[in-house]
Amino acid sequence: MKCKKNNIIKKLSAVLTASALLLTGCSGAKSSTQTDQDLTYTDMLFDTVIKIQILDPADESILDGLKKLCEKYDTMFSTTNTDSELYKLNHANGQSFTVSSETANLIQEGIHYSELSGGAFDLTIEPVSALWDFKADKPTVPSSDAIAQAVSHVDYTKVDIQDNTVTLEDPEAGIDLGAIAKGYIADQVKTYLKKQGIKHAIINLGGNVDVIGTKPDGSKYNIGIQKPFDESGEAITSVQLKDQTVVTSGIYERYFKKNGKLYHHILDPRTGYPCENNLYSVSIITDSSTKADALSTTCFLLGYEKGMELIQSMDGVEAIFITDDEKVHKIGI
């Protein structure tokens, strides 16, 4: 229990450090973005620490709405909560199951990025991801036989979706939306806040950062990109955002070491093991957090060269690739 608590504290510390970096570039005195009317919602959801800061004068009832919205999605897209649509779909034993329009649309998005990447990204990775527990007090490497068995059930082409009815043609298959759901949730939070009249806000879902408008003074938000494996949250570079999002996928976010080898949470659906290439992280900057979330994982799994080619083929998307020599490679910035 002590180890798990320390991990949570470590994660919270990193997020809070990043939040200070977002606003001021350093910790300390009150930022010019802050006002006496600031409202902040902080919680432990989506397997991470989230922090949503409203920089406009606003009624505190907005925070109640935020809490209900986030808790709804925490259940809806969970692969382990027995009340979630995804859990019920994954345990339907190959039978058709009707989900909400939101879940159906997000599954469609997952299929799109699976097709776009030629299976490097695969939303049916759940049998593999279920084997790896990066939150355990003493994480272990699954057996090669278990991994091979799980990989044999990973195939996005076996997902049939008609309107809101989804069928997993392989009864042993399972969908995991973890590489795209936080982005979608950030988009929904942003839409909710805008409907409440909020013009300035920072949405930080454990590294998925989305901003509304500009800072109250009209300047852009300065968002730091964390230096890989730096526990203090020091930035290696930064981006300037106005009503945009930046999402980072990196091997330093969740990992453990065994016999001198590092095992991280970005799993390759083709092998069942953590993806091995020369990347430390990929950050995507665009106007949709759903898109940024999916692309950050997709580009990481594709690798540096193919990931760069994919971004260069897209309009309105910028990226930062950090390679294992700690060099920063920017596209469109």
Protein backbone atom coordinates (compact mmCIF):
# COMPACT_ATOMS: atom_id res chain seq x y z
CA MET A 1 0.00 0.00 0.00
CA LYS A 2 2.83 2.36 0.80
CA CYS A 3 4.29 2.01 -2.68
CA LYS A 4 0.92 2.67 -4.32
CA LYS A 5 0.35 5.75 -2.14
CA ASN A 6 3.78 7.07 -3.03
CA ASN A 7 3.02 6.58 -6.72
CA ILE A 8 -0.17 8.62 -6.38
CA ILE A 9 1.67 11.37 -4.50
CA LYS A 10 4.39 11.34 -7.14
CA LYS A 11 1.81 11.65 -9.90
CA LEU A 12 -0.05 14.43 -8.08
CA SER A 13 3.21 16.30 -7.53
CA ALA A 14 4.07 16.08 -11.22
CA VAL A 15 0.64 17.33 -12.27
CA LEU A 16 0.70 20.21 -9.82
CA THR A 17 4.22 21.13 -10.97
CA ALA A 18 3.01 21.04 -14.57
CA SER A 19 0.04 23.22 -13.65
CA ALA A 20 2.36 25.82 -12.15
CA LEU A 21 4.40 25.65 -15.33
CA LEU A 22 1.29 26.20 -17.44
CA LEU A 23 0.48 29.43 -15.69
CA THR A 24 3.78 31.03 -14.81
CA GLY A 25 6.70 28.99 -16.06
CA CYS A 26 7.74 28.55 -12.44
CA SER A 27 6.18 28.11 -9.04
CA GLY A 28 5.82 30.93 -6.56
CA ALA A 29 3.83 34.17 -6.65
CA LYS A 30 0.31 34.45 -7.96
CA SER A 31 0.19 34.40 -11.75
CA SER A 32 -1.28 37.23 -13.81
CA THR A 33 -3.75 34.64 -15.14
CA GLN A 34 -5.23 34.10 -11.70
CA THR A 35 -8.05 36.10 -10.14
CA ASP A 36 -9.81 36.06 -6.81
CA GLN A 37 -12.73 34.39 -8.56
CA ASP A 38 -10.74 31.40 -9.83
CA LEU A 39 -12.58 28.09 -9.51
CA THR A 40 -10.66 24.83 -9.58
CA TYR A 41 -11.92 21.25 -9.74
CA THR A 42 -9.34 18.59 -8.82
CA ASP A 43 -10.02 14.86 -8.68
CA MET A 44 -8.52 11.41 -9.16
CA LEU A 45 -10.31 10.00 -12.21
CA PHE A 46 -9.42 8.25 -15.49
CA ASP A 47 -6.50 6.60 -13.68
CA THR A 48 -4.82 9.96 -13.14
CA VAL A 49 -5.02 13.29 -11.34
CA ILE A 50 -7.18 15.86 -13.14
CA LYS A 51 -7.30 19.60 -12.62
CA ILE A 52 -9.70 22.01 -14.31
CA GLN A 53 -9.14 25.69 -13.60
CA ILE A 54 -11.67 28.35 -14.57
CA LEU A 55 -10.05 31.77 -14.92
CA ASP A 56 -13.30 33.77 -15.19
CA PRO A 57 -15.62 34.86 -12.40
CA ALA A 58 -18.12 32.01 -12.28
CA ASP A 59 -20.71 30.38 -10.05
CA GLU A 60 -19.46 27.44 -8.01
CA SER A 61 -22.36 25.33 -9.30
CA ILE A 62 -20.27 24.89 -12.45
CA LEU A 63 -17.91 22.72 -10.41
CA ASP A 64 -20.81 20.40 -9.51
CA GLY A 65 -21.55 20.03 -13.21
CA LEU A 66 -17.90 19.27 -13.91
CA LYS A 67 -17.81 16.60 -11.24
CA LYS A 68 -20.95 14.86 -12.56
CA LEU A 69 -19.67 15.01 -16.14
CA CYS A 70 -16.24 13.58 -15.31
CA GLU A 71 -17.62 10.85 -13.05
CA LYS A 72 -20.04 9.83 -15.82
CA TYR A 73 -17.19 9.30 -18.28
CA ASP A 74 -15.00 7.63 -15.66
CA THR A 75 -17.61 4.89 -15.50
CA MET A 76 -18.66 4.85 -19.15
CA PHE A 77 -15.23 4.14 -20.66
CA SER A 78 -13.79 1.92 -17.93
CA THR A 79 -12.71 -1.61 -18.86
CA THR A 80 -12.86 -2.80 -15.23
CA ASN A 81 -15.99 -1.16 -13.81
CA THR A 82 -18.80 -3.73 -14.15
CA ASP A 83 -21.33 -0.92 -14.63
CA SER A 84 -19.59 0.48 -17.71
CA GLU A 85 -20.84 -0.01 -21.25
CA LEU A 86 -17.36 -1.03 -22.33
CA TYR A 87 -17.08 -3.72 -19.67
CA LYS A 88 -20.47 -5.14 -20.63
CA LEU A 89 -19.56 -5.12 -24.33
CA ASN A 90 -16.24 -6.85 -23.66
CA HIS A 91 -18.01 -9.55 -21.64
CA ALA A 92 -20.87 -10.16 -24.09
CA ASN A 93 -19.15 -13.34 -25.34
CA GLY A 94 -19.43 -12.31 -28.96
CA GLN A 95 -23.09 -11.32 -28.73
CA SER A 96 -24.23 -7.97 -30.11
CA PHE A 97 -24.49 -5.22 -27.51
CA THR A 98 -26.10 -1.81 -27.84
CA VAL A 99 -24.15 1.12 -26.43
CA SER A 100 -24.82 4.85 -26.16
CA SER A 101 -24.20 7.11 -29.14
CA GLU A 102 -21.14 8.56 -27.40
CA THR A 103 -19.53 5.16 -26.89
CA ALA A 104 -20.42 4.09 -30.43
CA ASN A 105 -18.89 7.26 -31.88
CA LEU A 106 -15.71 6.83 -29.85
CA ILE A 107 -15.40 3.21 -30.99
CA GLN A 108 -15.76 4.46 -34.56
CA GLU A 109 -12.94 6.92 -33.91
CA GLY A 110 -10.82 4.08 -32.56
CA ILE A 111 -11.47 2.05 -35.71
CA HIS A 112 -10.51 5.06 -37.84
CA TYR A 113 -7.09 5.40 -36.20
CA SER A 114 -6.59 1.65 -36.28
CA GLU A 115 -7.15 1.73 -40.05
CA LEU A 116 -5.08 4.88 -40.48
CA SER A 117 -2.09 3.26 -38.79
CA GLY A 118 -2.47 -0.14 -40.42
CA GLY A 119 -2.97 -1.73 -37.01
CA ALA A 120 -0.04 -0.07 -35.24
CA PHE A 121 -2.81 1.47 -33.14
CA ASP A 122 -5.54 -1.08 -32.39
CA LEU A 123 -8.53 -0.40 -30.17
CA THR A 124 -8.96 -4.13 -29.49
CA ILE A 125 -5.76 -4.25 -27.41
CA GLU A 126 -7.72 -4.92 -24.20
CA PRO A 127 -6.71 -8.62 -23.89
CA VAL A 128 -3.08 -7.42 -23.88
CA SER A 129 -3.50 -4.35 -21.67
CA ALA A 130 -5.39 -6.46 -19.12
CA LEU A 131 -2.21 -8.51 -18.57
CA TRP A 132 -0.04 -5.54 -17.64
CA ASP A 133 -0.58 -3.85 -14.27
CA PHE A 134 1.65 -0.79 -14.06
CA LYS A 135 -0.07 0.33 -10.84
CA ALA A 136 0.75 -2.80 -8.86
CA ASP A 137 2.99 -2.55 -5.81
CA LYS A 138 5.33 -5.02 -7.51
CA PRO A 139 4.62 -5.02 -11.26
CA THR A 140 5.54 -8.17 -13.15
CA VAL A 141 6.11 -9.09 -16.78
CA PRO A 142 3.38 -11.43 -18.08
CA SER A 143 4.46 -14.80 -19.40
CA SER A 144 5.29 -15.05 -23.10
CA ASP A 145 2.54 -17.64 -23.53
CA ALA A 146 -0.07 -15.36 -21.98
CA ILE A 147 1.04 -12.48 -24.19
CA ALA A 148 0.97 -14.61 -27.35
CA GLN A 149 -2.52 -15.83 -26.48
CA ALA A 150 -3.74 -12.26 -25.86
CA VAL A 151 -2.22 -10.93 -29.09
CA SER A 152 -4.08 -13.59 -31.07
CA HIS A 153 -7.34 -11.86 -30.08
CA VAL A 154 -6.24 -8.35 -31.11
CA ASP A 155 -7.77 -7.45 -34.47
CA TYR A 156 -9.76 -4.27 -35.08
CA THR A 157 -11.25 -5.72 -38.26
CA LYS A 158 -13.29 -8.09 -36.07
CA VAL A 159 -15.33 -5.20 -34.65
CA ASP A 160 -18.69 -4.85 -36.36
CA ILE A 161 -20.65 -1.70 -35.59
CA GLN A 162 -24.08 -0.88 -36.95
CA ASP A 163 -25.47 2.39 -35.58
CA ASN A 164 -25.13 1.87 -31.80
CA THR A 165 -24.96 -1.92 -31.90
CA VAL A 166 -21.47 -3.37 -31.55
CA THR A 167 -20.41 -6.98 -32.09
CA LEU A 168 -17.01 -8.38 -31.26
CA GLU A 169 -16.78 -11.23 -33.74
CA ASP A 170 -14.05 -12.84 -31.61
CA PRO A 171 -15.68 -13.65 -28.24
CA GLU A 172 -12.25 -13.37 -26.55
CA ALA A 173 -11.62 -9.90 -27.94
CA GLY A 174 -11.97 -6.68 -25.97
CA ILE A 175 -11.96 -2.95 -26.67
CA ASP A 176 -9.74 -0.55 -24.72
CA LEU A 177 -10.35 3.15 -25.40
CA GLY A 178 -7.66 4.33 -22.99
CA ALA A 179 -5.56 5.86 -25.77
CA ILE A 180 -8.38 8.12 -26.94
CA ALA A 181 -10.97 8.50 -24.16
CA LYS A 182 -9.24 11.23 -22.12
CA GLY A 183 -9.02 13.36 -25.23
CA TYR A 184 -12.72 12.90 -25.88
CA ILE A 185 -13.54 13.73 -22.26
CA ALA A 186 -11.42 16.90 -22.44
CA ASP A 187 -13.40 17.96 -25.51
CA GLN A 188 -16.69 17.36 -23.68
CA VAL A 189 -15.50 19.32 -20.64
CA LYS A 190 -14.48 22.17 -22.92
CA THR A 191 -17.89 22.17 -24.62
CA TYR A 192 -19.65 22.15 -21.24
CA LEU A 193 -17.63 25.09 -19.93
CA LYS A 194 -18.17 27.14 -23.08
CA LYS A 195 -21.92 26.56 -22.79
CA GLN A 196 -21.66 27.98 -19.26
CA GLY A 197 -20.14 31.16 -20.72
CA ILE A 198 -16.56 30.44 -19.69
CA LYS A 199 -14.03 32.20 -21.92
CA HIS A 200 -10.76 31.39 -20.14
CA ALA A 201 -9.90 27.99 -18.63
CA ILE A 202 -7.28 25.25 -18.43
CA ILE A 203 -8.33 21.60 -18.60
CA ASN A 204 -5.58 19.21 -17.48
CA LEU A 205 -6.53 15.54 -17.50
CA GLY A 206 -3.23 14.06 -16.38
CA GLY A 207 -1.16 15.50 -19.21
CA ASN A 208 -3.98 15.94 -21.73
CA VAL A 209 -4.13 19.73 -21.70
CA ASP A 210 -6.90 21.72 -23.39
CA VAL A 211 -7.37 25.47 -23.06
CA ILE A 212 -10.33 27.75 -23.61
CA GLY A 213 -9.51 31.01 -25.35
CA THR A 214 -6.49 32.90 -24.09
CA LYS A 215 -5.36 33.99 -20.65
CA PRO A 216 -7.57 36.75 -19.22
CA ASP A 217 -4.96 39.32 -20.28
CA GLY A 218 -5.27 38.21 -23.92
CA SER A 219 -1.94 36.41 -24.16
CA LYS A 220 -1.55 32.77 -25.15
CA TYR A 221 -1.07 29.99 -22.61
CA ASN A 222 2.49 28.75 -22.26
CA ILE A 223 2.33 24.96 -21.97
CA GLY A 224 5.45 23.11 -20.92
CA ILE A 225 6.36 19.74 -22.44
CA GLN A 226 7.94 17.66 -19.68
CA LYS A 227 11.55 16.60 -19.92
CA PRO A 228 11.48 12.77 -20.09
CA PHE A 229 12.09 11.02 -16.75
CA ASP A 230 12.48 14.34 -14.89
CA GLU A 231 10.48 13.85 -11.69
CA SER A 232 10.40 17.57 -10.90
CA GLY A 233 8.30 18.24 -14.00
CA GLU A 234 10.96 20.42 -15.64
CA ALA A 235 10.07 21.39 -19.21
CA ILE A 236 12.28 20.47 -22.14
CA THR A 237 10.35 22.83 -24.44
CA SER A 238 6.99 24.59 -24.54
CA VAL A 239 4.16 25.55 -26.89
CA GLN A 240 1.90 28.58 -27.09
CA LEU A 241 -1.80 27.78 -27.20
CA LYS A 242 -5.00 29.70 -27.89
CA ASP A 243 -8.19 27.62 -27.73
CA GLN A 244 -6.20 24.51 -28.62
CA THR A 245 -5.03 21.30 -27.02
CA VAL A 246 -1.73 19.50 -26.52
CA VAL A 247 -1.56 15.81 -25.66
CA THR A 248 1.62 13.89 -24.89
CA SER A 249 2.25 10.14 -24.94
CA GLY A 250 5.56 9.20 -23.36
CA ILE A 251 7.32 6.16 -21.96
CA TYR A 252 8.14 8.00 -18.71
CA GLU A 253 4.49 8.38 -17.63
CA ARG A 254 3.92 4.82 -16.32
CA TYR A 255 6.67 2.25 -16.23
CA PHE A 256 8.64 -0.18 -14.11
CA LYS A 257 12.05 -1.81 -14.37
CA LYS A 258 12.75 -5.52 -14.18
CA ASN A 259 16.24 -7.02 -14.39
CA GLY A 260 17.54 -3.70 -15.69
CA LYS A 261 14.96 -3.42 -18.50
CA LEU A 262 12.35 -0.67 -18.63
CA TYR A 263 8.74 -1.68 -19.33
CA HIS A 264 6.39 1.22 -20.15
CA HIS A 265 2.64 1.44 -20.69
CA ILE A 266 2.53 2.16 -24.43
CA LEU A 267 1.89 -1.40 -25.56
CA ASP A 268 2.41 -2.55 -29.13
CA PRO A 269 -0.71 -4.48 -30.23
CA ARG A 270 1.41 -6.42 -32.72
CA THR A 271 3.77 -7.87 -30.09
CA GLY A 272 1.94 -7.50 -26.78
CA TYR A 273 5.01 -5.88 -25.23
CA PRO A 274 5.88 -2.21 -24.65
CA CYS A 275 6.66 -0.53 -27.97
CA GLU A 276 10.38 -0.41 -28.72
CA ASN A 277 11.76 2.41 -30.85
CA ASN A 278 13.93 5.51 -30.46
CA LEU A 279 11.17 7.73 -29.06
CA TYR A 280 10.72 9.07 -25.55
CA SER A 281 7.50 10.96 -26.28
CA VAL A 282 5.18 12.42 -28.89
CA SER A 283 3.12 15.58 -28.31
CA ILE A 284 0.32 16.62 -30.66
CA ILE A 285 -1.04 20.16 -30.89
CA THR A 286 -4.37 20.72 -32.66
CA ASP A 287 -7.95 21.90 -32.06
CA SER A 288 -9.45 18.52 -31.05
CA SER A 289 -8.24 16.74 -27.93
CA THR A 290 -9.77 13.48 -29.18
CA LYS A 291 -7.67 13.72 -32.31
CA ALA A 292 -4.55 14.76 -30.39
CA ASP A 293 -4.91 11.89 -27.93
CA ALA A 294 -5.31 9.27 -30.66
CA LEU A 295 -2.52 10.72 -32.80
CA SER A 296 0.00 10.96 -29.96
CA THR A 297 -0.30 7.21 -29.34
CA THR A 298 -0.57 6.35 -33.04
CA CYS A 299 2.55 8.32 -33.95
CA PHE A 300 4.49 6.81 -31.06
CA LEU A 301 3.56 3.30 -32.20
CA LEU A 302 4.40 4.11 -35.83
CA GLY A 303 7.85 5.33 -34.80
CA TYR A 304 9.72 8.54 -35.54
CA GLU A 305 9.90 8.46 -39.35
CA LYS A 306 6.41 7.11 -40.12
CA GLY A 307 4.91 9.23 -37.35
CA MET A 308 6.50 12.37 -38.79
CA GLU A 309 5.22 11.47 -42.26
CA LEU A 310 1.68 11.06 -40.93
CA ILE A 311 1.68 14.47 -39.24
CA GLN A 312 3.15 16.15 -42.32
CA SER A 313 0.24 14.78 -44.36
CA MET A 314 -2.33 16.49 -42.10
CA ASP A 315 -3.63 20.03 -42.00
CA GLY A 316 -3.98 21.89 -38.71
CA VAL A 317 -1.82 19.46 -36.73
CA GLU A 318 1.53 20.24 -35.13
CA ALA A 319 3.80 17.83 -33.28
CA ILE A 320 6.85 17.52 -31.07
CA PHE A 321 8.83 14.27 -31.14
CA ILE A 322 11.44 13.74 -28.43
CA THR A 323 13.92 11.01 -29.32
CA ASP A 324 15.95 8.94 -26.86
CA ASP A 325 18.96 11.23 -27.34
CA GLU A 326 16.72 13.96 -25.79
CA LYS A 327 16.62 15.92 -29.04
CA VAL A 328 13.42 17.88 -29.75
CA HIS A 329 11.95 17.59 -33.25
CA LYS A 330 9.12 19.99 -34.12
CA ILE A 331 6.67 19.84 -37.02
CA GLY A 332 4.62 22.87 -38.01
CA ILE A 333 5.64 24.92 -34.98
